[in-house]
């Protein structure tokens, strides 16, 4: 192998490495930019949970599951472990529309909101849907769902 061929191979590997790093960084940024959360010090964990139940139903969604993660850890013996709950909810009309736009979006359903105790207060958050795909209908749908999710979170802490 000549020096010129060796340099070409090294250049290709460096280019692939840089491209991989840039792609990984973009994915991290997109994911972190899709997290929407608010900290409340006005309500404790249980009050926030009750407020969320009301906000979800007022926005035409139905709660389908609760994962009481913090309580489960407490039940295993860590009595002071911070409470945290993941709530899954859905609107069948939206789910049907979503499936007709792009059936791969089922991976974004059901909608999920989390509540967790932290030192600074109770944090309520969600992961928003991607709005920068190549499918305009999907982007419009995601923007509507994201707006709904943000309104639910805001109503919970008001």
N, C-alpha and C. Protein backbone atom coordinates (compact mmCIF):
# COMPACT_ATOMS: atom_id res chain seq x y z
N UNK A 1 0.85 -1.17 0.00
CA UNK A 1 0.00 0.00 0.00
C UNK A 1 0.90 1.23 0.00
N UNK A 2 0.57 2.16 -0.87
CA UNK A 2 1.37 3.38 -0.97
C UNK A 2 0.97 4.37 0.12
N UNK A 3 1.80 5.36 0.30
CA UNK A 3 1.52 6.41 1.29
C UNK A 3 0.26 7.16 0.92
N UNK A 4 0.05 7.37 -0.37
CA UNK A 4 -1.13 8.10 -0.84
C UNK A 4 -2.40 7.30 -0.51
N UNK A 5 -2.38 5.98 -0.75
CA UNK A 5 -3.52 5.13 -0.42
C UNK A 5 -3.77 5.10 1.09
N UNK A 6 -2.71 5.03 1.84
CA UNK A 6 -2.82 5.02 3.29
C UNK A 6 -3.45 6.32 3.81
N UNK A 7 -3.03 7.45 3.24
CA UNK A 7 -3.60 8.74 3.64
C UNK A 7 -5.09 8.81 3.29
N UNK A 8 -5.46 8.27 2.14
CA UNK A 8 -6.87 8.25 1.74
C UNK A 8 -7.70 7.45 2.74
N UNK A 9 -7.20 6.29 3.13
CA UNK A 9 -7.92 5.44 4.08
C UNK A 9 -8.05 6.15 5.43
N UNK A 10 -6.96 6.77 5.89
CA UNK A 10 -7.03 7.51 7.16
C UNK A 10 -8.02 8.67 7.06
N UNK A 11 -8.00 9.38 5.95
CA UNK A 11 -8.93 10.49 5.75
C UNK A 11 -10.38 9.99 5.78
N UNK A 12 -10.64 8.86 5.15
CA UNK A 12 -11.99 8.30 5.13
C UNK A 12 -12.42 7.93 6.55
N UNK A 13 -11.55 7.28 7.31
CA UNK A 13 -11.88 6.92 8.69
C UNK A 13 -12.14 8.16 9.55
N UNK A 14 -11.30 9.18 9.39
CA UNK A 14 -11.49 10.42 10.15
C UNK A 14 -12.81 11.07 9.77
N UNK A 15 -13.12 11.11 8.48
CA UNK A 15 -14.37 11.69 8.01
C UNK A 15 -15.57 10.94 8.60
N UNK A 16 -15.52 9.61 8.57
CA UNK A 16 -16.62 8.80 9.12
C UNK A 16 -16.74 9.04 10.62
N UNK A 17 -15.61 9.13 11.32
CA UNK A 17 -15.63 9.38 12.76
C UNK A 17 -16.28 10.74 13.06
N UNK A 18 -15.88 11.77 12.35
CA UNK A 18 -16.45 13.11 12.57
C UNK A 18 -17.94 13.11 12.25
N UNK A 19 -18.32 12.49 11.17
CA UNK A 19 -19.73 12.42 10.79
C UNK A 19 -20.54 11.68 11.86
N UNK A 20 -20.00 10.59 12.39
CA UNK A 20 -20.67 9.83 13.45
C UNK A 20 -20.83 10.70 14.69
N UNK A 21 -19.79 11.42 15.07
CA UNK A 21 -19.87 12.29 16.25
C UNK A 21 -20.90 13.39 16.06
N UNK A 22 -20.91 14.00 14.90
CA UNK A 22 -21.90 15.05 14.63
C UNK A 22 -23.32 14.51 14.67
N UNK A 23 -23.52 13.34 14.11
CA UNK A 23 -24.85 12.71 14.14
C UNK A 23 -25.26 12.41 15.57
N UNK A 24 -24.36 11.87 16.35
CA UNK A 24 -24.68 11.56 17.75
C UNK A 24 -25.00 12.83 18.52
N UNK A 25 -24.23 13.88 18.30
CA UNK A 25 -24.50 15.15 18.99
C UNK A 25 -25.85 15.71 18.58
N UNK A 26 -26.20 15.63 17.32
CA UNK A 26 -27.50 16.13 16.86
C UNK A 26 -28.63 15.34 17.49
N UNK A 27 -28.48 14.04 17.63
CA UNK A 27 -29.53 13.23 18.25
C UNK A 27 -29.69 13.58 19.72
N UNK A 28 -28.59 13.82 20.41
CA UNK A 28 -28.68 14.21 21.82
C UNK A 28 -29.39 15.54 21.93
N UNK A 29 -29.01 16.51 21.09
CA UNK A 29 -29.64 17.83 21.14
C UNK A 29 -31.12 17.74 20.84
N UNK A 30 -31.50 16.95 19.82
CA UNK A 30 -32.91 16.82 19.48
C UNK A 30 -33.70 16.22 20.63
N UNK A 31 -33.15 15.20 21.27
CA UNK A 31 -33.84 14.58 22.39
C UNK A 31 -33.97 15.55 23.55
N UNK A 32 -32.87 16.22 23.91
CA UNK A 32 -32.93 17.13 25.05
C UNK A 32 -33.84 18.32 24.74
N UNK A 33 -33.90 18.76 23.50
CA UNK A 33 -34.79 19.86 23.14
C UNK A 33 -36.24 19.42 23.15
N UNK A 34 -36.49 18.14 23.11
CA UNK A 34 -37.87 17.65 23.10
C UNK A 34 -38.40 17.41 24.51
N UNK A 35 -37.58 17.59 25.53
CA UNK A 35 -38.05 17.44 26.91
C UNK A 35 -38.65 18.78 27.34
N UNK A 36 -39.90 18.73 27.80
CA UNK A 36 -40.58 19.92 28.28
C UNK A 36 -40.97 19.66 29.73
N UNK A 37 -40.49 20.50 30.63
CA UNK A 37 -40.83 20.28 32.03
C UNK A 37 -40.89 21.60 32.78
N UNK A 38 -41.65 21.57 33.87
CA UNK A 38 -41.83 22.73 34.72
C UNK A 38 -41.63 22.28 36.16
N UNK A 39 -40.99 23.14 36.96
CA UNK A 39 -40.82 22.88 38.38
C UNK A 39 -41.87 23.69 39.13
N UNK A 40 -42.55 23.04 40.06
CA UNK A 40 -43.50 23.74 40.91
C UNK A 40 -43.08 23.61 42.36
N UNK A 41 -43.16 24.73 43.08
CA UNK A 41 -42.94 24.70 44.53
C UNK A 41 -44.26 25.01 45.24
N UNK A 42 -45.28 25.33 44.46
CA UNK A 42 -46.58 25.67 45.03
C UNK A 42 -47.33 24.43 45.50
N UNK A 43 -47.16 23.31 44.78
CA UNK A 43 -47.90 22.08 45.09
C UNK A 43 -46.92 20.98 45.48
N UNK A 44 -47.34 20.13 46.42
CA UNK A 44 -46.53 18.97 46.75
C UNK A 44 -46.81 17.87 45.71
N UNK A 45 -46.18 16.73 45.89
CA UNK A 45 -46.28 15.65 44.92
C UNK A 45 -47.73 15.21 44.71
N UNK A 46 -48.44 14.93 45.80
CA UNK A 46 -49.81 14.43 45.70
C UNK A 46 -50.76 15.46 45.07
N UNK A 47 -50.61 16.72 45.44
CA UNK A 47 -51.44 17.77 44.83
C UNK A 47 -51.17 17.89 43.34
N UNK A 48 -49.90 17.81 42.96
CA UNK A 48 -49.54 17.88 41.54
C UNK A 48 -50.14 16.70 40.78
N UNK A 49 -50.10 15.54 41.39
CA UNK A 49 -50.68 14.34 40.77
C UNK A 49 -52.18 14.51 40.55
N UNK A 50 -52.88 15.03 41.55
CA UNK A 50 -54.32 15.27 41.41
C UNK A 50 -54.61 16.33 40.35
N UNK A 51 -53.82 17.39 40.34
CA UNK A 51 -53.99 18.43 39.32
C UNK A 51 -53.77 17.86 37.91
N UNK A 52 -52.80 16.99 37.79
CA UNK A 52 -52.52 16.37 36.49
C UNK A 52 -53.69 15.52 36.02
N UNK A 53 -54.28 14.75 36.91
CA UNK A 53 -55.45 13.94 36.55
C UNK A 53 -56.55 14.81 35.96
N UNK A 54 -56.81 15.94 36.60
CA UNK A 54 -57.85 16.86 36.11
C UNK A 54 -57.45 17.43 34.75
N UNK A 55 -56.20 17.88 34.62
CA UNK A 55 -55.75 18.48 33.37
C UNK A 55 -55.82 17.49 32.20
N UNK A 56 -55.46 16.25 32.45
CA UNK A 56 -55.52 15.23 31.39
C UNK A 56 -56.95 15.04 30.93
N UNK A 57 -57.87 14.90 31.86
CA UNK A 57 -59.27 14.67 31.47
C UNK A 57 -59.88 15.92 30.82
N UNK A 58 -59.49 17.10 31.27
CA UNK A 58 -60.02 18.33 30.67
C UNK A 58 -59.55 18.52 29.23
N UNK A 59 -58.46 17.86 28.85
CA UNK A 59 -57.95 17.95 27.48
C UNK A 59 -58.35 16.74 26.64
N UNK A 60 -59.37 16.02 27.09
CA UNK A 60 -59.95 14.91 26.32
C UNK A 60 -59.05 13.69 26.17
N UNK A 61 -58.24 13.42 27.16
CA UNK A 61 -57.43 12.21 27.17
C UNK A 61 -57.93 11.30 28.29
N UNK A 62 -57.59 10.04 28.19
CA UNK A 62 -57.95 9.06 29.21
C UNK A 62 -56.67 8.42 29.72
N UNK A 63 -56.53 8.39 31.05
CA UNK A 63 -55.37 7.74 31.67
C UNK A 63 -55.51 6.24 31.50
N UNK A 64 -54.44 5.62 31.02
CA UNK A 64 -54.49 4.17 30.80
C UNK A 64 -53.55 3.39 31.70
N UNK A 65 -52.57 4.09 32.31
CA UNK A 65 -51.63 3.36 33.18
C UNK A 65 -50.85 4.34 34.05
N UNK A 66 -50.50 3.89 35.24
CA UNK A 66 -49.62 4.63 36.15
C UNK A 66 -48.50 3.70 36.59
N UNK A 67 -47.30 4.20 36.54
CA UNK A 67 -46.15 3.48 37.09
C UNK A 67 -45.63 4.30 38.26
N UNK A 68 -45.87 3.83 39.45
CA UNK A 68 -45.46 4.53 40.67
C UNK A 68 -44.06 4.06 41.07
N UNK A 69 -43.09 4.53 40.36
CA UNK A 69 -41.72 4.05 40.50
C UNK A 69 -41.14 4.39 41.88
N UNK A 70 -41.26 5.64 42.29
CA UNK A 70 -40.73 6.04 43.59
C UNK A 70 -41.33 5.25 44.74
N UNK A 71 -42.64 5.04 44.69
CA UNK A 71 -43.31 4.27 45.74
C UNK A 71 -42.84 2.82 45.74
N UNK A 72 -42.61 2.27 44.56
CA UNK A 72 -42.12 0.89 44.47
C UNK A 72 -40.76 0.76 45.13
N UNK A 73 -39.89 1.76 44.94
CA UNK A 73 -38.58 1.73 45.59
C UNK A 73 -38.75 1.85 47.10
N UNK A 74 -39.68 2.72 47.54
CA UNK A 74 -39.95 2.85 48.97
C UNK A 74 -40.44 1.53 49.55
N UNK A 75 -41.32 0.85 48.81
CA UNK A 75 -41.86 -0.42 49.27
C UNK A 75 -40.78 -1.49 49.44
N UNK A 76 -39.66 -1.31 48.77
CA UNK A 76 -38.55 -2.26 48.88
C UNK A 76 -37.60 -1.90 50.02
N UNK A 77 -37.97 -0.88 50.80
CA UNK A 77 -37.18 -0.59 51.99
C UNK A 77 -36.51 0.76 52.05
N UNK A 78 -36.51 1.54 50.99
CA UNK A 78 -35.89 2.87 51.03
C UNK A 78 -36.97 3.90 51.31
N UNK A 79 -37.30 4.06 52.61
CA UNK A 79 -38.48 4.82 53.00
C UNK A 79 -38.44 6.30 52.61
N UNK A 80 -37.28 6.89 52.42
CA UNK A 80 -37.20 8.31 52.08
C UNK A 80 -36.92 8.56 50.60
N UNK A 81 -37.05 7.54 49.78
CA UNK A 81 -36.77 7.69 48.36
C UNK A 81 -37.78 8.67 47.74
N UNK A 82 -37.32 9.59 46.88
CA UNK A 82 -38.24 10.58 46.29
C UNK A 82 -39.33 9.89 45.45
N UNK A 83 -40.52 10.42 45.55
CA UNK A 83 -41.63 9.87 44.76
C UNK A 83 -41.47 10.25 43.29
N UNK A 84 -41.87 9.34 42.43
CA UNK A 84 -41.89 9.60 40.99
C UNK A 84 -42.94 8.69 40.37
N UNK A 85 -43.67 9.24 39.42
CA UNK A 85 -44.73 8.49 38.75
C UNK A 85 -44.71 8.81 37.27
N UNK A 86 -44.94 7.79 36.47
CA UNK A 86 -45.09 7.94 35.03
C UNK A 86 -46.55 7.65 34.70
N UNK A 87 -47.21 8.60 34.05
CA UNK A 87 -48.62 8.43 33.70
C UNK A 87 -48.74 8.34 32.18
N UNK A 88 -49.35 7.26 31.72
CA UNK A 88 -49.61 7.05 30.28
C UNK A 88 -51.07 7.37 30.02
N UNK A 89 -51.31 8.12 28.94
CA UNK A 89 -52.68 8.47 28.60
C UNK A 89 -52.82 8.59 27.09
N UNK A 90 -54.06 8.53 26.62
CA UNK A 90 -54.28 8.49 25.18
C UNK A 90 -55.63 9.10 24.83
N UNK A 91 -55.75 9.53 23.60
CA UNK A 91 -57.01 9.96 23.00
C UNK A 91 -57.15 9.11 21.74
N UNK A 92 -58.15 8.26 21.69
CA UNK A 92 -58.29 7.30 20.60
C UNK A 92 -58.46 8.01 19.24
N UNK A 93 -59.14 9.14 19.22
CA UNK A 93 -59.29 9.88 17.96
C UNK A 93 -57.93 10.32 17.43
N UNK A 94 -57.08 10.85 18.34
CA UNK A 94 -55.74 11.26 17.93
C UNK A 94 -54.90 10.04 17.53
N UNK A 95 -55.04 8.96 18.27
CA UNK A 95 -54.27 7.76 17.96
C UNK A 95 -54.62 7.23 16.56
N UNK A 96 -55.89 7.25 16.21
CA UNK A 96 -56.32 6.80 14.89
C UNK A 96 -55.73 7.70 13.80
N UNK A 97 -55.82 9.00 14.02
CA UNK A 97 -55.26 9.95 13.04
C UNK A 97 -53.76 9.74 12.87
N UNK A 98 -53.08 9.56 13.99
CA UNK A 98 -51.65 9.34 13.96
C UNK A 98 -51.29 8.11 13.14
N UNK A 99 -52.01 7.02 13.37
CA UNK A 99 -51.73 5.77 12.66
C UNK A 99 -51.98 5.92 11.16
N UNK A 100 -52.94 6.74 10.79
CA UNK A 100 -53.21 6.97 9.37
C UNK A 100 -52.15 7.84 8.72
N UNK A 101 -51.51 8.69 9.50
CA UNK A 101 -50.43 9.54 8.97
C UNK A 101 -49.16 8.72 8.80
N UNK A 102 -48.79 7.99 9.86
CA UNK A 102 -47.55 7.21 9.84
C UNK A 102 -47.63 6.17 10.97
N UNK A 103 -47.81 4.94 10.62
CA UNK A 103 -47.99 3.90 11.63
C UNK A 103 -46.76 3.72 12.52
N UNK A 104 -45.59 4.18 12.09
CA UNK A 104 -44.40 4.12 12.95
C UNK A 104 -44.55 5.00 14.19
N UNK A 105 -45.46 5.96 14.13
CA UNK A 105 -45.66 6.86 15.27
C UNK A 105 -46.26 6.16 16.48
N UNK A 106 -46.71 4.93 16.30
CA UNK A 106 -47.23 4.20 17.45
C UNK A 106 -46.17 4.11 18.54
N UNK A 107 -44.91 4.24 18.16
CA UNK A 107 -43.82 4.24 19.14
C UNK A 107 -43.82 5.48 20.02
N UNK A 108 -44.55 6.53 19.61
CA UNK A 108 -44.68 7.74 20.43
C UNK A 108 -45.94 7.72 21.29
N UNK A 109 -46.71 6.66 21.22
CA UNK A 109 -47.95 6.58 21.98
C UNK A 109 -47.86 5.46 22.98
N UNK A 110 -48.51 5.53 24.08
CA UNK A 110 -49.39 6.62 24.49
C UNK A 110 -48.57 7.83 24.92
N UNK A 111 -49.24 8.95 25.11
CA UNK A 111 -48.57 10.12 25.65
C UNK A 111 -48.15 9.81 27.08
N UNK A 112 -47.05 10.38 27.48
CA UNK A 112 -46.52 10.11 28.83
C UNK A 112 -46.15 11.44 29.49
N UNK A 113 -46.55 11.56 30.75
CA UNK A 113 -46.13 12.68 31.59
C UNK A 113 -45.53 12.09 32.85
N UNK A 114 -44.45 12.70 33.31
CA UNK A 114 -43.79 12.24 34.53
C UNK A 114 -43.90 13.31 35.61
N UNK A 115 -43.95 12.84 36.84
CA UNK A 115 -43.91 13.73 38.00
C UNK A 115 -42.86 13.15 38.93
N UNK A 116 -41.97 14.02 39.42
CA UNK A 116 -40.94 13.51 40.32
C UNK A 116 -40.56 14.59 41.35
N UNK A 117 -40.23 14.11 42.53
CA UNK A 117 -39.76 14.99 43.59
C UNK A 117 -38.27 15.23 43.42
N UNK A 118 -37.88 16.48 43.49
CA UNK A 118 -36.48 16.87 43.47
C UNK A 118 -36.26 17.88 44.58
N UNK A 119 -35.02 18.21 44.88
CA UNK A 119 -34.72 19.18 45.93
C UNK A 119 -35.38 20.52 45.67
N UNK A 120 -35.41 20.93 44.40
CA UNK A 120 -35.94 22.26 44.06
C UNK A 120 -37.46 22.31 43.98
N UNK A 121 -38.13 21.17 44.04
CA UNK A 121 -39.59 21.12 43.99
C UNK A 121 -40.07 19.88 43.25
N UNK A 122 -41.32 19.92 42.85
CA UNK A 122 -41.91 18.82 42.09
C UNK A 122 -41.78 19.17 40.61
N UNK A 123 -41.23 18.25 39.84
CA UNK A 123 -41.02 18.49 38.41
C UNK A 123 -42.01 17.64 37.63
N UNK A 124 -42.71 18.29 36.72
CA UNK A 124 -43.63 17.59 35.84
C UNK A 124 -43.11 17.78 34.42
N UNK A 125 -43.02 16.70 33.66
CA UNK A 125 -42.43 16.80 32.33
C UNK A 125 -42.95 15.78 31.35
N UNK A 126 -42.57 15.97 30.11
CA UNK A 126 -42.95 15.06 29.03
C UNK A 126 -41.89 15.14 27.93
N UNK A 127 -41.94 14.19 27.04
CA UNK A 127 -41.08 14.22 25.85
C UNK A 127 -41.99 14.54 24.68
N UNK A 128 -41.69 15.65 24.00
CA UNK A 128 -42.49 16.09 22.88
C UNK A 128 -42.18 15.27 21.63
N UNK A 129 -43.13 15.24 20.72
CA UNK A 129 -42.94 14.53 19.45
C UNK A 129 -42.05 15.35 18.53
N UNK A 130 -41.32 14.67 17.67
CA UNK A 130 -40.46 15.35 16.68
C UNK A 130 -41.33 16.09 15.67
N UNK A 131 -40.92 17.32 15.36
CA UNK A 131 -41.68 18.15 14.42
C UNK A 131 -40.88 18.52 13.18
N UNK A 132 -39.75 17.88 12.99
CA UNK A 132 -38.89 18.22 11.86
C UNK A 132 -38.65 17.04 10.92
N UNK A 133 -39.72 16.28 10.66
CA UNK A 133 -39.58 15.13 9.76
C UNK A 133 -39.81 15.58 8.32
N UNK A 134 -39.71 14.65 7.40
CA UNK A 134 -39.96 14.95 5.99
C UNK A 134 -41.44 14.87 5.64
N UNK A 135 -42.29 14.58 6.61
CA UNK A 135 -43.72 14.41 6.38
C UNK A 135 -44.46 15.60 7.01
N UNK A 136 -44.99 16.50 6.18
CA UNK A 136 -45.66 17.70 6.68
C UNK A 136 -46.88 17.38 7.53
N UNK A 137 -47.66 16.37 7.14
CA UNK A 137 -48.83 15.99 7.95
C UNK A 137 -48.40 15.52 9.33
N UNK A 138 -47.34 14.75 9.37
CA UNK A 138 -46.81 14.25 10.64
C UNK A 138 -46.32 15.42 11.50
N UNK A 139 -45.63 16.37 10.90
CA UNK A 139 -45.14 17.53 11.64
C UNK A 139 -46.29 18.35 12.21
N UNK A 140 -47.33 18.57 11.41
CA UNK A 140 -48.50 19.32 11.87
C UNK A 140 -49.19 18.59 13.02
N UNK A 141 -49.33 17.28 12.88
CA UNK A 141 -49.94 16.48 13.94
C UNK A 141 -49.11 16.58 15.22
N UNK A 142 -47.80 16.42 15.10
CA UNK A 142 -46.91 16.48 16.26
C UNK A 142 -47.00 17.84 16.95
N UNK A 143 -47.09 18.90 16.18
CA UNK A 143 -47.21 20.25 16.77
C UNK A 143 -48.49 20.38 17.57
N UNK A 144 -49.58 19.81 17.06
CA UNK A 144 -50.85 19.86 17.81
C UNK A 144 -50.77 19.06 19.11
N UNK A 145 -50.19 17.86 19.03
CA UNK A 145 -50.06 17.03 20.23
C UNK A 145 -49.12 17.70 21.23
N UNK A 146 -48.02 18.24 20.75
CA UNK A 146 -47.07 18.91 21.64
C UNK A 146 -47.72 20.09 22.36
N UNK A 147 -48.51 20.85 21.63
CA UNK A 147 -49.21 21.99 22.24
C UNK A 147 -50.14 21.48 23.35
N UNK A 148 -50.84 20.41 23.07
CA UNK A 148 -51.74 19.81 24.05
C UNK A 148 -50.97 19.33 25.27
N UNK A 149 -49.85 18.66 25.07
CA UNK A 149 -49.03 18.19 26.19
C UNK A 149 -48.53 19.35 27.04
N UNK A 150 -48.07 20.41 26.39
CA UNK A 150 -47.58 21.57 27.14
C UNK A 150 -48.71 22.24 27.92
N UNK A 151 -49.89 22.32 27.32
CA UNK A 151 -51.04 22.91 28.02
C UNK A 151 -51.43 22.07 29.24
N UNK A 152 -51.36 20.76 29.11
CA UNK A 152 -51.67 19.87 30.24
C UNK A 152 -50.69 20.12 31.38
N UNK A 153 -49.41 20.21 31.07
CA UNK A 153 -48.42 20.44 32.10
C UNK A 153 -48.61 21.81 32.74
N UNK A 154 -48.84 22.83 31.93
CA UNK A 154 -49.05 24.18 32.46
C UNK A 154 -50.29 24.25 33.33
N UNK A 155 -51.37 23.59 32.91
CA UNK A 155 -52.60 23.58 33.72
C UNK A 155 -52.38 22.87 35.04
N UNK A 156 -51.50 21.91 35.07
CA UNK A 156 -51.23 21.15 36.29
C UNK A 156 -50.60 22.01 37.38
N UNK A 157 -49.77 22.95 37.00
CA UNK A 157 -49.04 23.73 37.99
C UNK A 157 -49.61 25.13 38.21
N UNK A 158 -50.69 25.49 37.51
CA UNK A 158 -51.29 26.83 37.69
C UNK A 158 -52.16 26.88 38.90
